[in-house]
Amino acid sequence: LVATITVDDSTNYAESVKGRFTISE
């Protein structure tokens, strides 16, 4: 897993990419 985003825009990131990757819709 790298990152997820829910329908209410809650996001979750793998520790290895936090602060560097951004998921959006």
mmCIF file of all heavy atoms, coordinates in Angstrom:
data_MODEL
# 
_entry.id   MODEL 
# 
loop_
_atom_site.group_PDB 
_atom_site.id 
_atom_site.type_symbol 
_atom_site.label_atom_id 
_atom_site.label_alt_id 
_atom_site.label_comp_id 
_atom_site.label_asym_id 
_atom_site.label_entity_id 
_atom_site.label_seq_id 
_atom_site.pdbx_PDB_ins_code 
_atom_site.Cartn_x 
_atom_site.Cartn_y 
_atom_site.Cartn_z 
_atom_site.occupancy 
_atom_site.B_iso_or_equiv 
_atom_site.pdbx_formal_charge 
_atom_site.auth_seq_id 
_atom_site.auth_comp_id 
_atom_site.auth_asym_id 
_atom_site.auth_atom_id 
_atom_site.pdbx_PDB_model_num 
ATOM 1   N N   . LEU A 1 1  ? 0.833   -1.194 0.000  1.00 0.00 ? 1  LEU A N   1 
ATOM 2   C CA  . LEU A 1 1  ? 0.000   0.000  0.000  1.00 0.00 ? 1  LEU A CA  1 
ATOM 3   C C   . LEU A 1 1  ? 0.871   1.248  0.000  1.00 0.00 ? 1  LEU A C   1 
ATOM 4   O O   . LEU A 1 1  ? 1.865   1.326  0.726  1.00 0.00 ? 1  LEU A O   1 
ATOM 5   C CB  . LEU A 1 1  ? -0.887  0.009  1.242  1.00 0.00 ? 1  LEU A CB  1 
ATOM 6   C CG  . LEU A 1 1  ? -1.667  1.282  1.518  1.00 0.00 ? 1  LEU A CG  1 
ATOM 7   C CD1 . LEU A 1 1  ? -2.788  1.447  0.505  1.00 0.00 ? 1  LEU A CD1 1 
ATOM 8   C CD2 . LEU A 1 1  ? -2.232  1.272  2.931  1.00 0.00 ? 1  LEU A CD2 1 
ATOM 9   N N   . VAL A 1 2  ? 0.489   2.216  -0.807 1.00 0.00 ? 2  VAL A N   1 
ATOM 10  C CA  . VAL A 1 2  ? 1.162   3.518  -0.809 1.00 0.00 ? 2  VAL A CA  1 
ATOM 11  C C   . VAL A 1 2  ? 0.272   4.553  -0.128 1.00 0.00 ? 2  VAL A C   1 
ATOM 12  O O   . VAL A 1 2  ? 0.702   5.232  0.802  1.00 0.00 ? 2  VAL A O   1 
ATOM 13  C CB  . VAL A 1 2  ? 1.496   3.969  -2.240 1.00 0.00 ? 2  VAL A CB  1 
ATOM 14  C CG1 . VAL A 1 2  ? 2.107   5.369  -2.223 1.00 0.00 ? 2  VAL A CG1 1 
ATOM 15  C CG2 . VAL A 1 2  ? 2.436   2.968  -2.912 1.00 0.00 ? 2  VAL A CG2 1 
ATOM 16  N N   . ALA A 1 3  ? -0.959  4.684  -0.603 1.00 0.00 ? 3  ALA A N   1 
ATOM 17  C CA  . ALA A 1 3  ? -1.858  5.703  -0.053 1.00 0.00 ? 3  ALA A CA  1 
ATOM 18  C C   . ALA A 1 3  ? -3.285  5.374  -0.435 1.00 0.00 ? 3  ALA A C   1 
ATOM 19  O O   . ALA A 1 3  ? -3.535  4.739  -1.464 1.00 0.00 ? 3  ALA A O   1 
ATOM 20  C CB  . ALA A 1 3  ? -1.490  7.088  -0.585 1.00 0.00 ? 3  ALA A CB  1 
ATOM 21  N N   . THR A 1 4  ? -4.221  5.804  0.428  1.00 0.00 ? 4  THR A N   1 
ATOM 22  C CA  . THR A 1 4  ? -5.644  5.664  0.124  1.00 0.00 ? 4  THR A CA  1 
ATOM 23  C C   . THR A 1 4  ? -6.368  6.957  0.429  1.00 0.00 ? 4  THR A C   1 
ATOM 24  O O   . THR A 1 4  ? -5.901  7.784  1.221  1.00 0.00 ? 4  THR A O   1 
ATOM 25  C CB  . THR A 1 4  ? -6.299  4.539  0.944  1.00 0.00 ? 4  THR A CB  1 
ATOM 26  O OG1 . THR A 1 4  ? -6.157  4.830  2.340  1.00 0.00 ? 4  THR A OG1 1 
ATOM 27  C CG2 . THR A 1 4  ? -5.687  3.186  0.633  1.00 0.00 ? 4  THR A CG2 1 
ATOM 28  N N   . ILE A 1 5  ? -7.555  7.108  -0.199 1.00 0.00 ? 5  ILE A N   1 
ATOM 29  C CA  . ILE A 1 5  ? -8.411  8.254  0.059  1.00 0.00 ? 5  ILE A CA  1 
ATOM 30  C C   . ILE A 1 5  ? -9.849  7.774  0.017  1.00 0.00 ? 5  ILE A C   1 
ATOM 31  O O   . ILE A 1 5  ? -10.242 7.032  -0.884 1.00 0.00 ? 5  ILE A O   1 
ATOM 32  C CB  . ILE A 1 5  ? -8.144  9.394  -0.948 1.00 0.00 ? 5  ILE A CB  1 
ATOM 33  C CG1 . ILE A 1 5  ? -8.960  10.635 -0.592 1.00 0.00 ? 5  ILE A CG1 1 
ATOM 34  C CG2 . ILE A 1 5  ? -8.399  8.943  -2.386 1.00 0.00 ? 5  ILE A CG2 1 
ATOM 35  C CD1 . ILE A 1 5  ? -8.528  11.887 -1.348 1.00 0.00 ? 5  ILE A CD1 1 
ATOM 36  N N   . THR A 1 6  ? -10.626 8.188  1.020  1.00 0.00 ? 6  THR A N   1 
ATOM 37  C CA  . THR A 1 6  ? -12.012 7.762  1.104  1.00 0.00 ? 6  THR A CA  1 
ATOM 38  C C   . THR A 1 6  ? -12.931 8.783  0.441  1.00 0.00 ? 6  THR A C   1 
ATOM 39  O O   . THR A 1 6  ? -12.495 9.860  0.017  1.00 0.00 ? 6  THR A O   1 
ATOM 40  C CB  . THR A 1 6  ? -12.428 7.596  2.568  1.00 0.00 ? 6  THR A CB  1 
ATOM 41  O OG1 . THR A 1 6  ? -12.408 8.887  3.200  1.00 0.00 ? 6  THR A OG1 1 
ATOM 42  C CG2 . THR A 1 6  ? -11.495 6.646  3.305  1.00 0.00 ? 6  THR A CG2 1 
ATOM 43  N N   . VAL A 1 7  ? -14.222 8.445  0.397  1.00 0.00 ? 7  VAL A N   1 
ATOM 44  C CA  . VAL A 1 7  ? -15.175 9.347  -0.250 1.00 0.00 ? 7  VAL A CA  1 
ATOM 45  C C   . VAL A 1 7  ? -15.333 10.646 0.517  1.00 0.00 ? 7  VAL A C   1 
ATOM 46  O O   . VAL A 1 7  ? -15.786 11.654 -0.040 1.00 0.00 ? 7  VAL A O   1 
ATOM 47  C CB  . VAL A 1 7  ? -16.542 8.666  -0.450 1.00 0.00 ? 7  VAL A CB  1 
ATOM 48  C CG1 . VAL A 1 7  ? -16.421 7.519  -1.445 1.00 0.00 ? 7  VAL A CG1 1 
ATOM 49  C CG2 . VAL A 1 7  ? -17.109 8.178  0.866  1.00 0.00 ? 7  VAL A CG2 1 
ATOM 50  N N   . ASP A 1 8  ? -14.976 10.643 1.808  1.00 0.00 ? 8  ASP A N   1 
ATOM 51  C CA  . ASP A 1 8  ? -15.034 11.895 2.578  1.00 0.00 ? 8  ASP A CA  1 
ATOM 52  C C   . ASP A 1 8  ? -13.654 12.532 2.700  1.00 0.00 ? 8  ASP A C   1 
ATOM 53  O O   . ASP A 1 8  ? -13.410 13.341 3.592  1.00 0.00 ? 8  ASP A O   1 
ATOM 54  C CB  . ASP A 1 8  ? -15.652 11.673 3.953  1.00 0.00 ? 8  ASP A CB  1 
ATOM 55  C CG  . ASP A 1 8  ? -14.872 10.677 4.796  1.00 0.00 ? 8  ASP A CG  1 
ATOM 56  O OD1 . ASP A 1 8  ? -13.893 10.111 4.288  1.00 0.00 ? 8  ASP A OD1 1 
ATOM 57  O OD2 . ASP A 1 8  ? -15.249 10.473 5.964  1.00 0.00 ? 8  ASP A OD2 1 
ATOM 58  N N   . ASP A 1 9  ? -12.741 12.108 1.800  1.00 0.00 ? 9  ASP A N   1 
ATOM 59  C CA  . ASP A 1 9  ? -11.409 12.718 1.662  1.00 0.00 ? 9  ASP A CA  1 
ATOM 60  C C   . ASP A 1 9  ? -10.466 12.432 2.820  1.00 0.00 ? 9  ASP A C   1 
ATOM 61  O O   . ASP A 1 9  ? -9.474  13.152 3.005  1.00 0.00 ? 9  ASP A O   1 
ATOM 62  C CB  . ASP A 1 9  ? -11.514 14.227 1.440  1.00 0.00 ? 9  ASP A CB  1 
ATOM 63  C CG  . ASP A 1 9  ? -12.140 14.561 0.095  1.00 0.00 ? 9  ASP A CG  1 
ATOM 64  O OD1 . ASP A 1 9  ? -12.011 13.738 -0.834 1.00 0.00 ? 9  ASP A OD1 1 
ATOM 65  O OD2 . ASP A 1 9  ? -12.775 15.627 -0.014 1.00 0.00 ? 9  ASP A OD2 1 
ATOM 66  N N   . SER A 1 10 ? -10.726 11.395 3.593  1.00 0.00 ? 10 SER A N   1 
ATOM 67  C CA  . SER A 1 10 ? -9.748  10.961 4.590  1.00 0.00 ? 10 SER A CA  1 
ATOM 68  C C   . SER A 1 10 ? -8.623  10.217 3.872  1.00 0.00 ? 10 SER A C   1 
ATOM 69  O O   . SER A 1 10 ? -8.890  9.382  3.000  1.00 0.00 ? 10 SER A O   1 
ATOM 70  C CB  . SER A 1 10 ? -10.394 10.044 5.617  1.00 0.00 ? 10 SER A CB  1 
ATOM 71  O OG  . SER A 1 10 ? -11.348 10.749 6.377  1.00 0.00 ? 10 SER A OG  1 
ATOM 72  N N   . THR A 1 11 ? -7.393  10.525 4.252  1.00 0.00 ? 11 THR A N   1 
ATOM 73  C CA  . THR A 1 11 ? -6.251  9.925  3.574  1.00 0.00 ? 11 THR A CA  1 
ATOM 74  C C   . THR A 1 11 ? -5.412  9.086  4.545  1.00 0.00 ? 11 THR A C   1 
ATOM 75  O O   . THR A 1 11 ? -5.420  9.309  5.756  1.00 0.00 ? 11 THR A O   1 
ATOM 76  C CB  . THR A 1 11 ? -5.354  10.992 2.933  1.00 0.00 ? 11 THR A CB  1 
ATOM 77  O OG1 . THR A 1 11 ? -4.925  11.906 3.945  1.00 0.00 ? 11 THR A OG1 1 
ATOM 78  C CG2 . THR A 1 11 ? -6.101  11.741 1.848  1.00 0.00 ? 11 THR A CG2 1 
ATOM 79  N N   . ASN A 1 12 ? -4.693  8.148  3.956  1.00 0.00 ? 12 ASN A N   1 
ATOM 80  C CA  . ASN A 1 12 ? -3.810  7.276  4.722  1.00 0.00 ? 12 ASN A CA  1 
ATOM 81  C C   . ASN A 1 12 ? -2.576  7.014  3.870  1.00 0.00 ? 12 ASN A C   1 
ATOM 82  O O   . ASN A 1 12 ? -2.698  6.820  2.643  1.00 0.00 ? 12 ASN A O   1 
ATOM 83  C CB  . ASN A 1 12 ? -4.514  5.964  5.051  1.00 0.00 ? 12 ASN A CB  1 
ATOM 84  C CG  . ASN A 1 12 ? -3.645  5.021  5.845  1.00 0.00 ? 12 ASN A CG  1 
ATOM 85  O OD1 . ASN A 1 12 ? -3.136  5.384  6.896  1.00 0.00 ? 12 ASN A OD1 1 
ATOM 86  N ND2 . ASN A 1 12 ? -3.452  3.814  5.349  1.00 0.00 ? 12 ASN A ND2 1 
ATOM 87  N N   . TYR A 1 13 ? -1.403  7.018  4.509  1.00 0.00 ? 13 TYR A N   1 
ATOM 88  C CA  . TYR A 1 13 ? -0.151  6.835  3.771  1.00 0.00 ? 13 TYR A CA  1 
ATOM 89  C C   . TYR A 1 13 ? 0.735   5.787  4.431  1.00 0.00 ? 13 TYR A C   1 
ATOM 90  O O   . TYR A 1 13 ? 0.753   5.651  5.655  1.00 0.00 ? 13 TYR A O   1 
ATOM 91  C CB  . TYR A 1 13 ? 0.628   8.156  3.718  1.00 0.00 ? 13 TYR A CB  1 
ATOM 92  C CG  . TYR A 1 13 ? -0.063  9.259  2.961  1.00 0.00 ? 13 TYR A CG  1 
ATOM 93  C CD1 . TYR A 1 13 ? -0.886  10.165 3.611  1.00 0.00 ? 13 TYR A CD1 1 
ATOM 94  C CD2 . TYR A 1 13 ? 0.113   9.389  1.586  1.00 0.00 ? 13 TYR A CD2 1 
ATOM 95  C CE1 . TYR A 1 13 ? -1.533  11.170 2.916  1.00 0.00 ? 13 TYR A CE1 1 
ATOM 96  C CE2 . TYR A 1 13 ? -0.518  10.397 0.876  1.00 0.00 ? 13 TYR A CE2 1 
ATOM 97  C CZ  . TYR A 1 13 ? -1.335  11.290 1.552  1.00 0.00 ? 13 TYR A CZ  1 
ATOM 98  O OH  . TYR A 1 13 ? -1.968  12.291 0.853  1.00 0.00 ? 13 TYR A OH  1 
ATOM 99  N N   . ALA A 1 14 ? 1.501   5.106  3.614  1.00 0.00 ? 14 ALA A N   1 
ATOM 100 C CA  . ALA A 1 14 ? 2.560   4.264  4.138  1.00 0.00 ? 14 ALA A CA  1 
ATOM 101 C C   . ALA A 1 14 ? 3.607   5.150  4.792  1.00 0.00 ? 14 ALA A C   1 
ATOM 102 O O   . ALA A 1 14 ? 3.853   6.280  4.351  1.00 0.00 ? 14 ALA A O   1 
ATOM 103 C CB  . ALA A 1 14 ? 3.192   3.455  3.003  1.00 0.00 ? 14 ALA A CB  1 
ATOM 104 N N   . GLU A 1 15 ? 4.221   4.627  5.857  1.00 0.00 ? 15 GLU A N   1 
ATOM 105 C CA  . GLU A 1 15 ? 5.220   5.421  6.569  1.00 0.00 ? 15 GLU A CA  1 
ATOM 106 C C   . GLU A 1 15 ? 6.348   5.879  5.641  1.00 0.00 ? 15 GLU A C   1 
ATOM 107 O O   . GLU A 1 15 ? 6.878   6.981  5.780  1.00 0.00 ? 15 GLU A O   1 
ATOM 108 C CB  . GLU A 1 15 ? 5.794   4.613  7.724  1.00 0.00 ? 15 GLU A CB  1 
ATOM 109 C CG  . GLU A 1 15 ? 4.887   4.486  8.933  1.00 0.00 ? 15 GLU A CG  1 
ATOM 110 C CD  . GLU A 1 15 ? 4.612   5.817  9.614  1.00 0.00 ? 15 GLU A CD  1 
ATOM 111 O OE1 . GLU A 1 15 ? 5.530   6.672  9.629  1.00 0.00 ? 15 GLU A OE1 1 
ATOM 112 O OE2 . GLU A 1 15 ? 3.482   6.013  10.111 1.00 0.00 ? 15 GLU A OE2 1 
ATOM 113 N N   . SER A 1 16 ? 6.691   5.045  4.697  1.00 0.00 ? 16 SER A N   1 
ATOM 114 C CA  . SER A 1 16 ? 7.836   5.325  3.825  1.00 0.00 ? 16 SER A CA  1 
ATOM 115 C C   . SER A 1 16 ? 7.598   6.498  2.881  1.00 0.00 ? 16 SER A C   1 
ATOM 116 O O   . SER A 1 16 ? 8.560   7.032  2.315  1.00 0.00 ? 16 SER A O   1 
ATOM 117 C CB  . SER A 1 16 ? 8.178   4.075  3.014  1.00 0.00 ? 16 SER A CB  1 
ATOM 118 O OG  . SER A 1 16 ? 7.084   3.686  2.217  1.00 0.00 ? 16 SER A OG  1 
ATOM 119 N N   . VAL A 1 17 ? 6.324   6.907  2.700  1.00 0.00 ? 17 VAL A N   1 
ATOM 120 C CA  . VAL A 1 17 ? 6.046   7.992  1.758  1.00 0.00 ? 17 VAL A CA  1 
ATOM 121 C C   . VAL A 1 17 ? 5.432   9.214  2.430  1.00 0.00 ? 17 VAL A C   1 
ATOM 122 O O   . VAL A 1 17 ? 5.214   10.238 1.768  1.00 0.00 ? 17 VAL A O   1 
ATOM 123 C CB  . VAL A 1 17 ? 5.123   7.517  0.614  1.00 0.00 ? 17 VAL A CB  1 
ATOM 124 C CG1 . VAL A 1 17 ? 5.704   6.293  -0.067 1.00 0.00 ? 17 VAL A CG1 1 
ATOM 125 C CG2 . VAL A 1 17 ? 3.704   7.248  1.107  1.00 0.00 ? 17 VAL A CG2 1 
ATOM 126 N N   . LYS A 1 18 ? 5.157   9.125  3.721  1.00 0.00 ? 18 LYS A N   1 
ATOM 127 C CA  . LYS A 1 18 ? 4.556   10.260 4.431  1.00 0.00 ? 18 LYS A CA  1 
ATOM 128 C C   . LYS A 1 18 ? 5.427   11.504 4.305  1.00 0.00 ? 18 LYS A C   1 
ATOM 129 O O   . LYS A 1 18 ? 6.642   11.443 4.474  1.00 0.00 ? 18 LYS A O   1 
ATOM 130 C CB  . LYS A 1 18 ? 4.365   9.920  5.910  1.00 0.00 ? 18 LYS A CB  1 
ATOM 131 C CG  . LYS A 1 18 ? 3.104   9.143  6.203  1.00 0.00 ? 18 LYS A CG  1 
ATOM 132 C CD  . LYS A 1 18 ? 2.939   8.917  7.705  1.00 0.00 ? 18 LYS A CD  1 
ATOM 133 C CE  . LYS A 1 18 ? 1.665   8.138  7.992  1.00 0.00 ? 18 LYS A CE  1 
ATOM 134 N NZ  . LYS A 1 18 ? 1.514   7.855  9.447  1.00 0.00 ? 18 LYS A NZ  1 
ATOM 135 N N   . GLY A 1 19 ? 4.775   12.625 4.002  1.00 0.00 ? 19 GLY A N   1 
ATOM 136 C CA  . GLY A 1 19 ? 5.493   13.876 3.851  1.00 0.00 ? 19 GLY A CA  1 
ATOM 137 C C   . GLY A 1 19 ? 6.077   14.090 2.463  1.00 0.00 ? 19 GLY A C   1 
ATOM 138 O O   . GLY A 1 19 ? 6.541   15.184 2.145  1.00 0.00 ? 19 GLY A O   1 
ATOM 139 N N   . ARG A 1 20 ? 6.055   13.046 1.638  1.00 0.00 ? 20 ARG A N   1 
ATOM 140 C CA  . ARG A 1 20 ? 6.597   13.164 0.274  1.00 0.00 ? 20 ARG A CA  1 
ATOM 141 C C   . ARG A 1 20 ? 5.521   12.956 -0.795 1.00 0.00 ? 20 ARG A C   1 
ATOM 142 O O   . ARG A 1 20 ? 5.596   13.558 -1.859 1.00 0.00 ? 20 ARG A O   1 
ATOM 143 C CB  . ARG A 1 20 ? 7.710   12.131 0.054  1.00 0.00 ? 20 ARG A CB  1 
ATOM 144 C CG  . ARG A 1 20 ? 8.884   12.273 1.005  1.00 0.00 ? 20 ARG A CG  1 
ATOM 145 C CD  . ARG A 1 20 ? 10.040  11.363 0.616  1.00 0.00 ? 20 ARG A CD  1 
ATOM 146 N NE  . ARG A 1 20 ? 9.687   9.945  0.643  1.00 0.00 ? 20 ARG A NE  1 
ATOM 147 C CZ  . ARG A 1 20 ? 9.772   9.121  -0.405 1.00 0.00 ? 20 ARG A CZ  1 
ATOM 148 N NH1 . ARG A 1 20 ? 10.183  9.573  -1.579 1.00 0.00 ? 20 ARG A NH1 1 
ATOM 149 N NH2 . ARG A 1 20 ? 9.435   7.840  -0.280 1.00 0.00 ? 20 ARG A NH2 1 
ATOM 150 N N   . PHE A 1 21 ? 4.553   12.087 -0.526 1.00 0.00 ? 21 PHE A N   1 
ATOM 151 C CA  . PHE A 1 21 ? 3.501   11.766 -1.498 1.00 0.00 ? 21 PHE A CA  1 
ATOM 152 C C   . PHE A 1 21 ? 2.184   12.360 -1.027 1.00 0.00 ? 21 PHE A C   1 
ATOM 153 O O   . PHE A 1 21 ? 1.910   12.423 0.184  1.00 0.00 ? 21 PHE A O   1 
ATOM 154 C CB  . PHE A 1 21 ? 3.333   10.264 -1.644 1.00 0.00 ? 21 PHE A CB  1 
ATOM 155 C CG  . PHE A 1 21 ? 4.478   9.546  -2.331 1.00 0.00 ? 21 PHE A CG  1 
ATOM 156 C CD1 . PHE A 1 21 ? 5.692   10.166 -2.572 1.00 0.00 ? 21 PHE A CD1 1 
ATOM 157 C CD2 . PHE A 1 21 ? 4.317   8.246  -2.738 1.00 0.00 ? 21 PHE A CD2 1 
ATOM 158 C CE1 . PHE A 1 21 ? 6.729   9.504  -3.200 1.00 0.00 ? 21 PHE A CE1 1 
ATOM 159 C CE2 . PHE A 1 21 ? 5.335   7.551  -3.382 1.00 0.00 ? 21 PHE A CE2 1 
ATOM 160 C CZ  . PHE A 1 21 ? 6.545   8.183  -3.599 1.00 0.00 ? 21 PHE A CZ  1 
ATOM 161 N N   . THR A 1 22 ? 1.348   12.742 -1.989 1.00 0.00 ? 22 THR A N   1 
ATOM 162 C CA  . THR A 1 22 ? 0.021   13.271 -1.692 1.00 0.00 ? 22 THR A CA  1 
ATOM 163 C C   . THR A 1 22 ? -0.992  12.644 -2.625 1.00 0.00 ? 22 THR A C   1 
ATOM 164 O O   . THR A 1 22 ? -0.845  12.719 -3.862 1.00 0.00 ? 22 THR A O   1 
ATOM 165 C CB  . THR A 1 22 ? -0.021  14.802 -1.851 1.00 0.00 ? 22 THR A CB  1 
ATOM 166 O OG1 . THR A 1 22 ? 0.973   15.400 -1.029 1.00 0.00 ? 22 THR A OG1 1 
ATOM 167 C CG2 . THR A 1 22 ? -1.389  15.333 -1.446 1.00 0.00 ? 22 THR A CG2 1 
ATOM 168 N N   . ILE A 1 23 ? -2.032  12.042 -2.045 1.00 0.00 ? 23 ILE A N   1 
ATOM 169 C CA  . ILE A 1 23 ? -3.113  11.482 -2.840 1.00 0.00 ? 23 ILE A CA  1 
ATOM 170 C C   . ILE A 1 23 ? -4.271  12.465 -2.829 1.00 0.00 ? 23 ILE A C   1 
ATOM 171 O O   . ILE A 1 23 ? -4.547  13.121 -1.812 1.00 0.00 ? 23 ILE A O   1 
ATOM 172 C CB  . ILE A 1 23 ? -3.559  10.096 -2.306 1.00 0.00 ? 23 ILE A CB  1 
ATOM 173 C CG1 . ILE A 1 23 ? -4.552  9.441  -3.264 1.00 0.00 ? 23 ILE A CG1 1 
ATOM 174 C CG2 . ILE A 1 23 ? -4.108  10.195 -0.883 1.00 0.00 ? 23 ILE A CG2 1 
ATOM 175 C CD1 . ILE A 1 23 ? -4.857  7.978  -2.930 1.00 0.00 ? 23 ILE A CD1 1 
ATOM 176 N N   . SER A 1 24 ? -4.932  12.596 -3.978 1.00 0.00 ? 24 SER A N   1 
ATOM 177 C CA  . SER A 1 24 ? -6.066  13.509 -4.071 1.00 0.00 ? 24 SER A CA  1 
ATOM 178 C C   . SER A 1 24 ? -7.027  13.014 -5.131 1.00 0.00 ? 24 SER A C   1 
ATOM 179 O O   . SER A 1 24 ? -6.686  12.138 -5.937 1.00 0.00 ? 24 SER A O   1 
ATOM 180 C CB  . SER A 1 24 ? -5.602  14.931 -4.397 1.00 0.00 ? 24 SER A CB  1 
ATOM 181 O OG  . SER A 1 24 ? -4.944  14.967 -5.649 1.00 0.00 ? 24 SER A OG  1 
ATOM 182 N N   . GLU A 1 25 ? -8.225  13.568 -5.121 1.00 0.00 ? 25 GLU A N   1 
ATOM 183 C CA  . GLU A 1 25 ? -9.255  13.207 -6.094 1.00 0.00 ? 25 GLU A CA  1 
ATOM 184 C C   . GLU A 1 25 ? -9.818  14.466 -6.730 1.00 0.00 ? 25 GLU A C   1 
ATOM 185 O O   . GLU A 1 25 ? -9.954  15.494 -6.069 1.00 0.00 ? 25 GLU A O   1 
ATOM 186 C CB  . GLU A 1 25 ? -10.410 12.453 -5.430 1.00 0.00 ? 25 GLU A CB  1 
ATOM 187 C CG  . GLU A 1 25 ? -10.086 11.075 -4.955 1.00 0.00 ? 25 GLU A CG  1 
ATOM 188 C CD  . GLU A 1 25 ? -11.304 10.357 -4.383 1.00 0.00 ? 25 GLU A CD  1 
ATOM 189 O OE1 . GLU A 1 25 ? -12.200 11.044 -3.851 1.00 0.00 ? 25 GLU A OE1 1 
ATOM 190 O OE2 . GLU A 1 25 ? -11.357 9.122  -4.466 1.00 0.00 ? 25 GLU A OE2 1 
# 
